[in-house]
Amino acid sequence: MPRGIVLIVVIAASLLLFPMRLSAQQKYIGLTLCSGELQSYRSRFGVRLDRLQHAYLEYRELPTTRLVMIVVFADNEFKDQCGSIRDAREFKYSHDGFDEECIEALHPENVVVGFFDQKFDENHPERGALFRGPAVKSWRIDLKNLKFLPTSGKVTCVMENRLGDDDGSDLAIWAHQRAMKKFKTAK
């Protein structure tokens, strides 16, 4: 009996000294974008993921991490400004840039997001950062279940400026268009 008590005390003490880190899924799923822990004065943006499901991809730079989330809103007119987080992934701070439109080489029809090394060309600093590169970390988005899944094979991130380009399309449509373009050029 004393061994059991000692074991419990040791486990409790170790958890106090080395707290278990919750995953992004455990910390953020079920919260809304209006939750206090998701408010950030740093970089943040959102892009429509799937118009039919009122789903958006949201990105936040928080004080200790960067967060990519799949958020579902009640409607597309933004009467529900908070939405509900369906899935989330964290990425620690680094020089890697986030891109919401990466391409999985074997499956260009997939919606893929990720981080890539935005290297600077030291010989031509006037060119700024590279806007294309292999993904350091990437996830495929399962549009049916609105979940992040691992990617397979080579993933390239290509940053494109789509500011102000709200023609009603979304990441799902862009991935479909990309796949159709690849299919046509393969013929």
N, C-alpha and C. Protein backbone atom coordinates (compact mmCIF):
# COMPACT_ATOMS: atom_id res chain seq x y z
N MET A 1 0.81 -1.20 0.00
CA MET A 1 0.00 0.00 0.00
C MET A 1 0.85 1.26 0.00
N PRO A 2 1.92 1.36 0.83
CA PRO A 2 2.74 2.56 0.81
C PRO A 2 3.40 2.80 -0.55
N ARG A 3 3.71 1.72 -1.29
CA ARG A 3 4.32 1.89 -2.62
C ARG A 3 3.35 2.59 -3.56
N GLY A 4 2.08 2.24 -3.48
CA GLY A 4 1.07 2.87 -4.33
C GLY A 4 0.95 4.35 -4.06
N ILE A 5 0.99 4.72 -2.78
CA ILE A 5 0.91 6.14 -2.41
C ILE A 5 2.14 6.88 -2.89
N VAL A 6 3.30 6.27 -2.72
CA VAL A 6 4.55 6.90 -3.17
C VAL A 6 4.51 7.08 -4.68
N LEU A 7 4.03 6.08 -5.40
CA LEU A 7 3.94 6.16 -6.85
C LEU A 7 3.01 7.29 -7.29
N ILE A 8 1.88 7.42 -6.62
CA ILE A 8 0.94 8.50 -6.94
C ILE A 8 1.57 9.86 -6.67
N VAL A 9 2.27 10.00 -5.56
CA VAL A 9 2.93 11.27 -5.22
C VAL A 9 4.01 11.59 -6.25
N VAL A 10 4.78 10.60 -6.66
CA VAL A 10 5.84 10.81 -7.66
C VAL A 10 5.23 11.25 -8.99
N ILE A 11 4.16 10.60 -9.43
CA ILE A 11 3.50 10.97 -10.69
C ILE A 11 2.94 12.38 -10.60
N ALA A 12 2.28 12.71 -9.50
CA ALA A 12 1.71 14.05 -9.33
C ALA A 12 2.81 15.10 -9.33
N ALA A 13 3.91 14.84 -8.64
CA ALA A 13 5.02 15.79 -8.59
C ALA A 13 5.65 15.97 -9.96
N SER A 14 5.78 14.88 -10.71
CA SER A 14 6.39 14.99 -12.05
C SER A 14 5.49 15.78 -12.99
N LEU A 15 4.19 15.64 -12.84
CA LEU A 15 3.28 16.43 -13.68
C LEU A 15 3.34 17.91 -13.33
N LEU A 16 3.57 18.22 -12.08
CA LEU A 16 3.71 19.62 -11.68
C LEU A 16 5.01 20.20 -12.21
N LEU A 17 6.07 19.42 -12.16
CA LEU A 17 7.37 19.88 -12.63
C LEU A 17 7.46 19.91 -14.15
N PHE A 18 6.85 18.94 -14.81
CA PHE A 18 6.89 18.82 -16.26
C PHE A 18 5.47 18.69 -16.79
N PRO A 19 4.73 19.79 -16.85
CA PRO A 19 3.33 19.70 -17.28
C PRO A 19 3.23 19.18 -18.71
N MET A 20 2.22 18.36 -18.93
CA MET A 20 2.00 17.83 -20.28
C MET A 20 1.48 18.96 -21.16
N ARG A 21 2.00 19.00 -22.36
CA ARG A 21 1.61 20.03 -23.31
C ARG A 21 0.39 19.54 -24.09
N LEU A 22 -0.66 20.32 -24.10
CA LEU A 22 -1.86 19.95 -24.85
C LEU A 22 -1.62 20.18 -26.33
N SER A 23 -2.17 19.33 -27.15
CA SER A 23 -2.06 19.53 -28.59
C SER A 23 -3.00 20.66 -29.02
N ALA A 24 -2.77 21.15 -30.22
CA ALA A 24 -3.64 22.22 -30.73
C ALA A 24 -5.09 21.76 -30.78
N GLN A 25 -5.30 20.49 -31.14
CA GLN A 25 -6.66 19.98 -31.19
C GLN A 25 -7.31 20.04 -29.82
N GLN A 26 -6.58 19.66 -28.78
CA GLN A 26 -7.15 19.66 -27.44
C GLN A 26 -7.38 21.08 -26.93
N LYS A 27 -6.52 22.01 -27.30
CA LYS A 27 -6.62 23.38 -26.80
C LYS A 27 -7.68 24.22 -27.51
N TYR A 28 -7.83 24.03 -28.83
CA TYR A 28 -8.59 25.01 -29.61
C TYR A 28 -9.89 24.50 -30.22
N ILE A 29 -10.02 23.21 -30.49
CA ILE A 29 -11.26 22.71 -31.12
C ILE A 29 -12.45 22.99 -30.21
N GLY A 30 -13.49 23.54 -30.80
CA GLY A 30 -14.69 23.89 -30.04
C GLY A 30 -14.72 25.35 -29.61
N LEU A 31 -13.55 26.01 -29.60
CA LEU A 31 -13.54 27.44 -29.28
C LEU A 31 -14.04 28.23 -30.47
N THR A 32 -14.20 29.53 -30.29
CA THR A 32 -14.57 30.41 -31.39
C THR A 32 -13.43 31.40 -31.61
N LEU A 33 -13.46 32.07 -32.75
CA LEU A 33 -12.44 33.08 -33.03
C LEU A 33 -12.54 34.27 -32.07
N CYS A 34 -13.65 34.39 -31.37
CA CYS A 34 -13.82 35.47 -30.41
C CYS A 34 -13.21 35.13 -29.05
N SER A 35 -12.73 33.91 -28.88
CA SER A 35 -12.12 33.50 -27.60
C SER A 35 -10.89 34.35 -27.32
N GLY A 36 -10.72 34.72 -26.07
CA GLY A 36 -9.62 35.59 -25.67
C GLY A 36 -8.24 35.08 -26.06
N GLU A 37 -8.01 33.77 -25.95
CA GLU A 37 -6.68 33.23 -26.25
C GLU A 37 -6.33 33.27 -27.73
N LEU A 38 -7.30 33.59 -28.59
CA LEU A 38 -7.03 33.68 -30.03
C LEU A 38 -6.91 35.11 -30.53
N GLN A 39 -7.02 36.07 -29.64
CA GLN A 39 -6.89 37.47 -30.03
C GLN A 39 -5.41 37.82 -30.11
N SER A 40 -5.01 38.42 -31.20
CA SER A 40 -3.60 38.72 -31.39
C SER A 40 -3.44 40.04 -32.12
N TYR A 41 -2.46 40.79 -31.68
CA TYR A 41 -2.14 42.05 -32.36
C TYR A 41 -1.15 41.78 -33.49
N ARG A 42 -0.68 40.55 -33.58
CA ARG A 42 0.26 40.16 -34.62
C ARG A 42 -0.49 39.80 -35.88
N SER A 43 0.20 39.18 -36.80
CA SER A 43 -0.38 38.82 -38.09
C SER A 43 -1.57 37.86 -37.94
N ARG A 44 -2.60 38.11 -38.74
CA ARG A 44 -3.76 37.23 -38.77
C ARG A 44 -4.49 37.44 -40.09
N PHE A 45 -5.04 36.39 -40.62
CA PHE A 45 -5.85 36.52 -41.83
C PHE A 45 -6.69 35.26 -42.00
N GLY A 46 -7.65 35.35 -42.89
CA GLY A 46 -8.51 34.22 -43.19
C GLY A 46 -8.80 34.18 -44.67
N VAL A 47 -9.05 32.98 -45.17
CA VAL A 47 -9.40 32.80 -46.57
C VAL A 47 -10.50 31.74 -46.63
N ARG A 48 -11.43 31.93 -47.56
CA ARG A 48 -12.54 31.00 -47.69
C ARG A 48 -12.01 29.63 -48.11
N LEU A 49 -12.38 28.61 -47.39
CA LEU A 49 -11.96 27.25 -47.68
C LEU A 49 -12.99 26.55 -48.57
N ASP A 50 -14.24 26.57 -48.17
CA ASP A 50 -15.31 25.93 -48.93
C ASP A 50 -16.60 26.72 -48.69
N ARG A 51 -17.01 27.45 -49.71
CA ARG A 51 -18.17 28.33 -49.61
C ARG A 51 -19.43 27.57 -49.23
N LEU A 52 -19.61 26.37 -49.78
CA LEU A 52 -20.84 25.61 -49.53
C LEU A 52 -20.99 25.19 -48.07
N GLN A 53 -19.87 24.98 -47.38
CA GLN A 53 -19.91 24.58 -45.98
C GLN A 53 -19.67 25.75 -45.03
N HIS A 54 -19.57 26.96 -45.55
CA HIS A 54 -19.28 28.16 -44.76
C HIS A 54 -17.98 27.98 -43.98
N ALA A 55 -17.01 27.30 -44.59
CA ALA A 55 -15.74 26.99 -43.92
C ALA A 55 -14.64 27.93 -44.38
N TYR A 56 -13.82 28.33 -43.42
CA TYR A 56 -12.70 29.23 -43.69
C TYR A 56 -11.43 28.67 -43.07
N LEU A 57 -10.31 29.03 -43.66
CA LEU A 57 -9.02 28.73 -43.09
C LEU A 57 -8.55 30.01 -42.41
N GLU A 58 -8.26 29.93 -41.12
CA GLU A 58 -7.83 31.11 -40.36
C GLU A 58 -6.41 30.89 -39.86
N TYR A 59 -5.63 31.95 -39.89
CA TYR A 59 -4.23 31.92 -39.44
C TYR A 59 -4.03 33.00 -38.38
N ARG A 60 -3.38 32.64 -37.30
CA ARG A 60 -3.09 33.59 -36.23
C ARG A 60 -1.65 33.42 -35.76
N GLU A 61 -0.97 34.53 -35.56
CA GLU A 61 0.33 34.51 -34.90
C GLU A 61 0.10 34.94 -33.47
N LEU A 62 0.24 33.99 -32.57
CA LEU A 62 0.04 34.24 -31.14
C LEU A 62 1.40 34.49 -30.50
N PRO A 63 1.46 34.95 -29.27
CA PRO A 63 2.75 35.27 -28.65
C PRO A 63 3.77 34.13 -28.64
N THR A 64 3.33 32.88 -28.52
CA THR A 64 4.30 31.79 -28.43
C THR A 64 4.23 30.79 -29.57
N THR A 65 3.27 30.92 -30.46
CA THR A 65 3.10 29.93 -31.53
C THR A 65 2.34 30.54 -32.69
N ARG A 66 2.33 29.83 -33.79
CA ARG A 66 1.49 30.20 -34.94
C ARG A 66 0.43 29.11 -35.07
N LEU A 67 -0.77 29.51 -35.41
CA LEU A 67 -1.91 28.61 -35.40
C LEU A 67 -2.66 28.68 -36.73
N VAL A 68 -2.95 27.51 -37.29
CA VAL A 68 -3.76 27.39 -38.50
C VAL A 68 -5.02 26.64 -38.11
N MET A 69 -6.18 27.19 -38.46
CA MET A 69 -7.44 26.61 -38.01
C MET A 69 -8.44 26.48 -39.16
N ILE A 70 -9.29 25.47 -39.07
CA ILE A 70 -10.45 25.36 -39.94
C ILE A 70 -11.63 25.83 -39.11
N VAL A 71 -12.32 26.87 -39.59
CA VAL A 71 -13.41 27.48 -38.84
C VAL A 71 -14.69 27.43 -39.68
N VAL A 72 -15.79 27.04 -39.05
CA VAL A 72 -17.08 27.02 -39.73
C VAL A 72 -17.95 28.12 -39.14
N PHE A 73 -18.52 28.92 -40.04
CA PHE A 73 -19.43 30.00 -39.64
C PHE A 73 -20.86 29.57 -39.91
N ALA A 74 -21.79 30.20 -39.24
CA ALA A 74 -23.20 29.86 -39.42
C ALA A 74 -23.69 30.25 -40.82
N ASP A 75 -23.09 31.28 -41.41
CA ASP A 75 -23.49 31.72 -42.74
C ASP A 75 -22.32 32.39 -43.43
N ASN A 76 -22.47 32.69 -44.71
CA ASN A 76 -21.42 33.37 -45.47
C ASN A 76 -21.53 34.88 -45.39
N GLU A 77 -22.57 35.39 -44.76
CA GLU A 77 -22.74 36.84 -44.67
C GLU A 77 -22.08 37.41 -43.43
N PHE A 78 -21.39 36.59 -42.65
CA PHE A 78 -20.65 36.99 -41.46
C PHE A 78 -21.52 37.60 -40.37
N LYS A 79 -22.79 37.19 -40.30
CA LYS A 79 -23.59 37.59 -39.15
C LYS A 79 -23.04 36.91 -37.90
N ASP A 80 -22.52 35.68 -38.10
CA ASP A 80 -21.83 34.95 -37.05
C ASP A 80 -20.35 35.25 -37.24
N GLN A 81 -19.81 36.22 -36.51
CA GLN A 81 -18.43 36.64 -36.71
C GLN A 81 -17.42 35.79 -35.97
N CYS A 82 -17.87 34.93 -35.08
CA CYS A 82 -16.95 34.15 -34.27
C CYS A 82 -16.66 32.78 -34.85
N GLY A 83 -17.63 32.13 -35.43
CA GLY A 83 -17.42 30.80 -35.99
C GLY A 83 -17.08 29.78 -34.92
N SER A 84 -16.91 28.55 -35.35
CA SER A 84 -16.55 27.46 -34.45
C SER A 84 -15.34 26.73 -35.03
N ILE A 85 -14.32 26.52 -34.24
CA ILE A 85 -13.09 25.88 -34.71
C ILE A 85 -13.31 24.38 -34.80
N ARG A 86 -13.13 23.84 -36.00
CA ARG A 86 -13.31 22.40 -36.24
C ARG A 86 -12.01 21.61 -36.11
N ASP A 87 -10.88 22.25 -36.50
CA ASP A 87 -9.58 21.59 -36.37
C ASP A 87 -8.51 22.68 -36.32
N ALA A 88 -7.36 22.32 -35.74
CA ALA A 88 -6.28 23.31 -35.58
C ALA A 88 -4.93 22.61 -35.58
N ARG A 89 -3.91 23.34 -36.06
CA ARG A 89 -2.53 22.87 -36.02
C ARG A 89 -1.65 24.03 -35.60
N GLU A 90 -0.64 23.70 -34.79
CA GLU A 90 0.32 24.70 -34.32
C GLU A 90 1.65 24.53 -35.05
N PHE A 91 2.37 25.63 -35.16
CA PHE A 91 3.71 25.61 -35.73
C PHE A 91 4.54 26.59 -34.93
N LYS A 92 5.66 26.14 -34.45
CA LYS A 92 6.52 27.00 -33.63
C LYS A 92 7.12 28.11 -34.47
N TYR A 93 7.49 29.19 -33.83
CA TYR A 93 8.07 30.32 -34.55
C TYR A 93 9.38 29.96 -35.20
N SER A 94 9.55 30.45 -36.41
CA SER A 94 10.78 30.28 -37.19
C SER A 94 10.72 31.33 -38.30
N HIS A 95 11.62 31.25 -39.23
CA HIS A 95 11.61 32.18 -40.36
C HIS A 95 10.72 31.68 -41.49
N ASP A 96 10.13 30.52 -41.30
CA ASP A 96 9.31 29.93 -42.36
C ASP A 96 8.01 30.72 -42.53
N GLY A 97 7.61 30.91 -43.78
CA GLY A 97 6.40 31.65 -44.09
C GLY A 97 5.21 30.71 -44.27
N PHE A 98 4.03 31.17 -43.89
CA PHE A 98 2.81 30.37 -44.06
C PHE A 98 2.22 30.62 -45.44
N ASP A 99 1.74 29.56 -46.07
CA ASP A 99 1.08 29.68 -47.36
C ASP A 99 -0.18 28.83 -47.36
N GLU A 100 -1.29 29.43 -47.76
CA GLU A 100 -2.56 28.72 -47.77
C GLU A 100 -2.82 27.99 -49.08
N GLU A 101 -1.88 28.06 -50.00
CA GLU A 101 -2.09 27.39 -51.29
C GLU A 101 -0.84 26.64 -51.73
N CYS A 102 -0.55 25.56 -51.04
CA CYS A 102 0.58 24.70 -51.41
C CYS A 102 0.08 23.62 -52.37
N ILE A 103 1.02 22.97 -53.03
CA ILE A 103 0.66 21.97 -54.03
C ILE A 103 1.34 20.65 -53.69
N GLU A 104 0.53 19.62 -53.52
CA GLU A 104 1.04 18.27 -53.30
C GLU A 104 1.28 17.67 -54.69
N ALA A 105 2.55 17.37 -55.01
CA ALA A 105 2.93 16.97 -56.37
C ALA A 105 2.09 15.82 -56.92
N LEU A 106 1.87 14.80 -56.13
CA LEU A 106 1.13 13.64 -56.61
C LEU A 106 -0.39 13.85 -56.63
N HIS A 107 -0.86 14.84 -55.88
CA HIS A 107 -2.30 15.09 -55.77
C HIS A 107 -2.59 16.59 -55.82
N PRO A 108 -2.46 17.21 -56.99
CA PRO A 108 -2.69 18.66 -57.08
C PRO A 108 -4.13 19.07 -56.81
N GLU A 109 -5.05 18.10 -56.81
CA GLU A 109 -6.46 18.40 -56.56
C GLU A 109 -6.74 18.62 -55.08
N ASN A 110 -5.79 18.27 -54.21
CA ASN A 110 -5.97 18.44 -52.76
C ASN A 110 -5.76 19.89 -52.34
N VAL A 111 -6.51 20.31 -51.34
CA VAL A 111 -6.25 21.61 -50.71
C VAL A 111 -5.17 21.35 -49.67
N VAL A 112 -4.03 22.02 -49.83
CA VAL A 112 -2.88 21.81 -48.95
C VAL A 112 -2.38 23.15 -48.45
N VAL A 113 -2.10 23.23 -47.16
CA VAL A 113 -1.53 24.43 -46.56
C VAL A 113 -0.22 24.05 -45.89
N GLY A 114 0.67 25.03 -45.72
CA GLY A 114 1.93 24.69 -45.07
C GLY A 114 2.83 25.89 -44.84
N PHE A 115 3.98 25.57 -44.32
CA PHE A 115 5.03 26.56 -44.06
C PHE A 115 6.22 26.22 -44.93
N PHE A 116 6.89 27.24 -45.46
CA PHE A 116 8.10 26.99 -46.25
C PHE A 116 9.15 28.05 -45.92
N ASP A 117 10.40 27.71 -46.20
CA ASP A 117 11.53 28.58 -45.90
C ASP A 117 11.56 29.70 -46.92
N GLN A 118 11.20 30.90 -46.49
CA GLN A 118 11.19 32.07 -47.37
C GLN A 118 12.58 32.68 -47.40
N LYS A 119 13.50 32.00 -48.05
CA LYS A 119 14.89 32.46 -48.10
C LYS A 119 14.99 33.76 -48.87
N PHE A 120 16.00 34.54 -48.50
CA PHE A 120 16.32 35.76 -49.22
C PHE A 120 17.52 35.48 -50.11
N ASP A 121 17.51 36.01 -51.31
CA ASP A 121 18.65 35.90 -52.21
C ASP A 121 19.64 36.99 -51.82
N GLU A 122 20.73 36.59 -51.17
CA GLU A 122 21.70 37.57 -50.66
C GLU A 122 22.38 38.34 -51.78
N ASN A 123 22.44 37.75 -52.98
CA ASN A 123 23.05 38.44 -54.13
C ASN A 123 22.12 39.50 -54.71
N HIS A 124 20.83 39.35 -54.45
CA HIS A 124 19.84 40.31 -54.97
C HIS A 124 18.83 40.66 -53.88
N PRO A 125 19.24 41.42 -52.87
CA PRO A 125 18.31 41.73 -51.77
C PRO A 125 17.11 42.56 -52.21
N GLU A 126 17.22 43.24 -53.35
CA GLU A 126 16.10 44.04 -53.84
C GLU A 126 14.91 43.17 -54.25
N ARG A 127 15.15 41.89 -54.49
CA ARG A 127 14.08 40.97 -54.88
C ARG A 127 13.23 40.53 -53.70
N GLY A 128 13.75 40.72 -52.50
CA GLY A 128 12.99 40.33 -51.31
C GLY A 128 13.00 38.82 -51.12
N ALA A 129 12.01 38.34 -50.39
CA ALA A 129 11.94 36.91 -50.05
C ALA A 129 11.44 36.10 -51.24
N LEU A 130 11.83 34.85 -51.26
CA LEU A 130 11.32 33.94 -52.29
C LEU A 130 9.85 33.65 -52.01
N PHE A 131 9.08 33.48 -53.05
CA PHE A 131 7.65 33.22 -52.88
C PHE A 131 7.28 31.82 -53.35
N ARG A 132 8.29 30.94 -53.35
CA ARG A 132 8.07 29.56 -53.77
C ARG A 132 9.13 28.71 -53.10
N GLY A 133 8.75 27.54 -52.63
CA GLY A 133 9.74 26.66 -52.03
C GLY A 133 9.12 25.39 -51.49
N PRO A 134 9.97 24.41 -51.19
CA PRO A 134 9.45 23.16 -50.62
C PRO A 134 8.90 23.40 -49.22
N ALA A 135 7.83 22.70 -48.91
CA ALA A 135 7.21 22.86 -47.59
C ALA A 135 8.09 22.26 -46.51
N VAL A 136 8.20 22.99 -45.40
CA VAL A 136 8.88 22.50 -44.21
C VAL A 136 7.89 21.64 -43.41
N LYS A 137 6.65 22.09 -43.38
CA LYS A 137 5.56 21.38 -42.70
C LYS A 137 4.29 21.66 -43.49
N SER A 138 3.50 20.62 -43.75
CA SER A 138 2.28 20.83 -44.53
C SER A 138 1.19 19.85 -44.11
N TRP A 139 -0.05 20.23 -44.42
CA TRP A 139 -1.21 19.40 -44.14
C TRP A 139 -2.17 19.47 -45.31
N ARG A 140 -2.80 18.35 -45.61
CA ARG A 140 -3.88 18.29 -46.59
C ARG A 140 -5.17 18.51 -45.81
N ILE A 141 -6.14 19.17 -46.43
CA ILE A 141 -7.41 19.41 -45.75
C ILE A 141 -8.46 18.47 -46.33
N ASP A 142 -9.03 17.67 -45.47
CA ASP A 142 -10.13 16.78 -45.83
C ASP A 142 -11.39 17.65 -45.86
N LEU A 143 -11.86 17.96 -47.06
CA LEU A 143 -13.00 18.87 -47.20
C LEU A 143 -14.31 18.25 -46.73
N LYS A 144 -14.41 16.94 -46.77
CA LYS A 144 -15.65 16.29 -46.33
C LYS A 144 -15.80 16.41 -44.81
N ASN A 145 -14.73 16.14 -44.08
CA ASN A 145 -14.78 16.17 -42.61
C ASN A 145 -14.20 17.43 -42.00
N LEU A 146 -13.68 18.33 -42.83
CA LEU A 146 -13.05 19.57 -42.39
C LEU A 146 -12.00 19.29 -41.31
N LYS A 147 -11.02 18.49 -41.70
CA LYS A 147 -9.93 18.10 -40.81
C LYS A 147 -8.60 18.22 -41.53
N PHE A 148 -7.53 18.50 -40.77
CA PHE A 148 -6.18 18.47 -41.31
C PHE A 148 -5.69 17.03 -41.31
N LEU A 149 -5.05 16.62 -42.40
CA LEU A 149 -4.47 15.29 -42.52
C LEU A 149 -3.02 15.44 -42.99
N PRO A 150 -2.19 14.43 -42.75
CA PRO A 150 -0.81 14.53 -43.23
C PRO A 150 -0.76 14.48 -44.75
N THR A 151 0.25 15.10 -45.32
CA THR A 151 0.46 15.04 -46.76
C THR A 151 1.39 13.87 -47.06
N SER A 152 1.41 13.47 -48.31
CA SER A 152 2.32 12.41 -48.72
C SER A 152 3.13 12.90 -49.91
N GLY A 153 4.40 12.69 -49.86
CA GLY A 153 5.25 13.09 -50.97
C GLY A 153 5.65 14.55 -50.93
N LYS A 154 6.11 15.02 -52.07
CA LYS A 154 6.65 16.37 -52.20
C LYS A 154 5.54 17.42 -52.20
N VAL A 155 5.74 18.46 -51.40
CA VAL A 155 4.80 19.58 -51.35
C VAL A 155 5.57 20.87 -51.59
N THR A 156 5.06 21.68 -52.51
CA THR A 156 5.67 22.98 -52.83
C THR A 156 4.67 24.07 -52.49
N CYS A 157 5.15 25.10 -51.82
CA CYS A 157 4.29 26.24 -51.50
C CYS A 157 4.59 27.37 -52.47
N VAL A 158 3.55 27.99 -52.98
CA VAL A 158 3.67 29.07 -53.96
C VAL A 158 2.79 30.21 -53.49
N MET A 159 3.41 31.26 -52.97
CA MET A 159 2.61 32.40 -52.48
C MET A 159 2.15 33.24 -53.67
N GLU A 160 0.85 33.48 -53.72
CA GLU A 160 0.28 34.34 -54.74
C GLU A 160 -0.48 35.45 -54.07
N ASN A 161 -0.43 36.62 -54.67
CA ASN A 161 -1.15 37.76 -54.11
C ASN A 161 -2.58 37.73 -54.63
N ARG A 162 -3.51 37.42 -53.75
CA ARG A 162 -4.93 37.39 -54.13
C ARG A 162 -5.71 38.45 -53.35
N LEU A 163 -5.02 39.46 -52.85
CA LEU A 163 -5.71 40.51 -52.09
C LEU A 163 -6.78 41.16 -52.94
N GLY A 164 -7.93 41.31 -52.36
CA GLY A 164 -9.03 41.96 -53.05
C GLY A 164 -9.69 41.09 -54.11
N ASP A 165 -9.24 39.86 -54.24
CA ASP A 165 -9.73 38.96 -55.28
C ASP A 165 -10.90 38.14 -54.75
N ASP A 166 -12.01 38.79 -54.40
CA ASP A 166 -13.15 38.05 -53.87
C ASP A 166 -14.20 37.89 -54.96
N ASP A 167 -13.96 36.89 -55.79
CA ASP A 167 -14.90 36.58 -56.85
C ASP A 167 -15.84 35.46 -56.45
N GLY A 168 -15.87 35.14 -55.15
CA GLY A 168 -16.73 34.08 -54.65
C GLY A 168 -16.07 32.72 -54.64
N SER A 169 -14.84 32.65 -55.15
CA SER A 169 -14.17 31.35 -55.17
C SER A 169 -13.53 31.05 -53.81
N ASP A 170 -12.96 29.87 -53.69
CA ASP A 170 -12.37 29.46 -52.42
C ASP A 170 -11.21 28.51 -52.68
N LEU A 171 -10.55 28.06 -51.63
CA LEU A 171 -9.40 27.16 -51.79
C LEU A 171 -9.80 25.86 -52.48
N ALA A 172 -10.99 25.35 -52.22
CA ALA A 172 -11.45 24.13 -52.87
C ALA A 172 -11.58 24.34 -54.38
N ILE A 173 -12.12 25.47 -54.80
CA ILE A 173 -12.27 25.77 -56.23
C ILE A 173 -10.90 25.94 -56.87
N TRP A 174 -9.98 26.65 -56.20
CA TRP A 174 -8.64 26.86 -56.76
C TRP A 174 -7.92 25.53 -56.94
N ALA A 175 -8.06 24.61 -55.97
CA ALA A 175 -7.41 23.30 -56.09
C ALA A 175 -8.01 22.53 -57.27
N HIS A 176 -9.32 22.61 -57.43
CA HIS A 176 -9.99 21.94 -58.55
C HIS A 176 -9.50 22.52 -59.88
N GLN A 177 -9.40 23.85 -59.96
CA GLN A 177 -8.93 24.49 -61.19
C GLN A 177 -7.48 24.09 -61.49
N ARG A 178 -6.66 24.01 -60.46
CA ARG A 178 -5.26 23.62 -60.62
C ARG A 178 -5.18 22.19 -61.16
N ALA A 179 -6.00 21.29 -60.63
CA ALA A 179 -6.00 19.89 -61.08
C ALA A 179 -6.47 19.79 -62.53
N MET A 180 -7.49 20.56 -62.89
CA MET A 180 -8.00 20.54 -64.27
C MET A 180 -6.95 21.08 -65.23
N LYS A 181 -6.22 22.10 -64.82
CA LYS A 181 -5.17 22.67 -65.66
C LYS A 181 -4.07 21.64 -65.89
N LYS A 182 -3.69 20.92 -64.81
CA LYS A 182 -2.66 19.89 -64.95
C LYS A 182 -3.16 18.76 -65.84
N PHE A 183 -4.44 18.40 -65.71
CA PHE A 183 -5.03 17.34 -66.52
C PHE A 183 -5.01 17.73 -68.01
N LYS A 184 -5.36 18.98 -68.31
CA LYS A 184 -5.39 19.44 -69.70
C LYS A 184 -4.00 19.47 -70.31
N THR A 185 -3.01 19.89 -69.55
CA THR A 185 -1.64 19.95 -70.07
C THR A 185 -1.04 18.55 -70.21
N ALA A 186 -1.56 17.58 -69.50
CA ALA A 186 -1.05 16.21 -69.60
C ALA A 186 -1.54 15.52 -70.87
N LYS A 187 -2.63 16.00 -71.44
CA LYS A 187 -3.19 15.38 -72.66
C LYS A 187 -2.34 15.66 -73.86
